[in-house]
């Protein structure tokens, strides 16, 4: 049976006694109903797992002793999704939750010409990322960047990834699934991939052309017209294959 996983971002060493947060302590005692001597797993979101046993089971301040440490190797494919902030904050939160569960490495919120909402609750979004990481049993927390204006992002981009931009306008576009199959056929040991996803009203033509000038490949996600957050999730899934 998989051990329950908790987030702890302070330094940890084997044999340490670690005091857990009130939220984790409450979950251990009142939800999972674990007892002294039961084992749990900890992660710092930086590729580390620790096995620990409960030595003091208090609903406000549980204490565990660390028994074992494992380092989880980084992913073979590093995936970045640069996606516009969305008018509906709940839909953006849904996207980052699901993208984290899939295993996306980095999420960059974009402020595009047609972005309608620029409100960004960093602490709330970080908590969503942590919950999604724990739910999916991962040891690495997706990095969430501060929002960045699209022109600044494009002008500073260094072109070190397999890079794509998905948009709905007519024109010469490849299918993302075909491009990923082409990349995978090259048997690259480690590669970094990024895809740009626009707002509800899509990228403007100028924004698409600016990306193409930076060697982004224009791609389609299929024949259906998708919501921005759905497009982001489809792209995250395809590009991670």
Foldseek 3Di string as FASTA:
>chain_A
DAFQEDEDQDDDDAFDKDKDALVVLLCCCPVVNDDFQDWHWYANQQQKIWIWGWHARDNGITITGTHDMDGHDDDQEAEEEEEECEPDNVLVLVLLLLLLLLPHAEYEYEHAPPHDDQDDDPVVSQVSQNVSCSVNVHRHTHHYDRYDYLVVCLVPDPLQAQAAEEWDDDDDAAALLVVLVVVVVVVDRHGYYYYYFYYQVTHDPVSVVSNVVSVHGYHYPDDDDDHRSVVSSSNSNSNSD
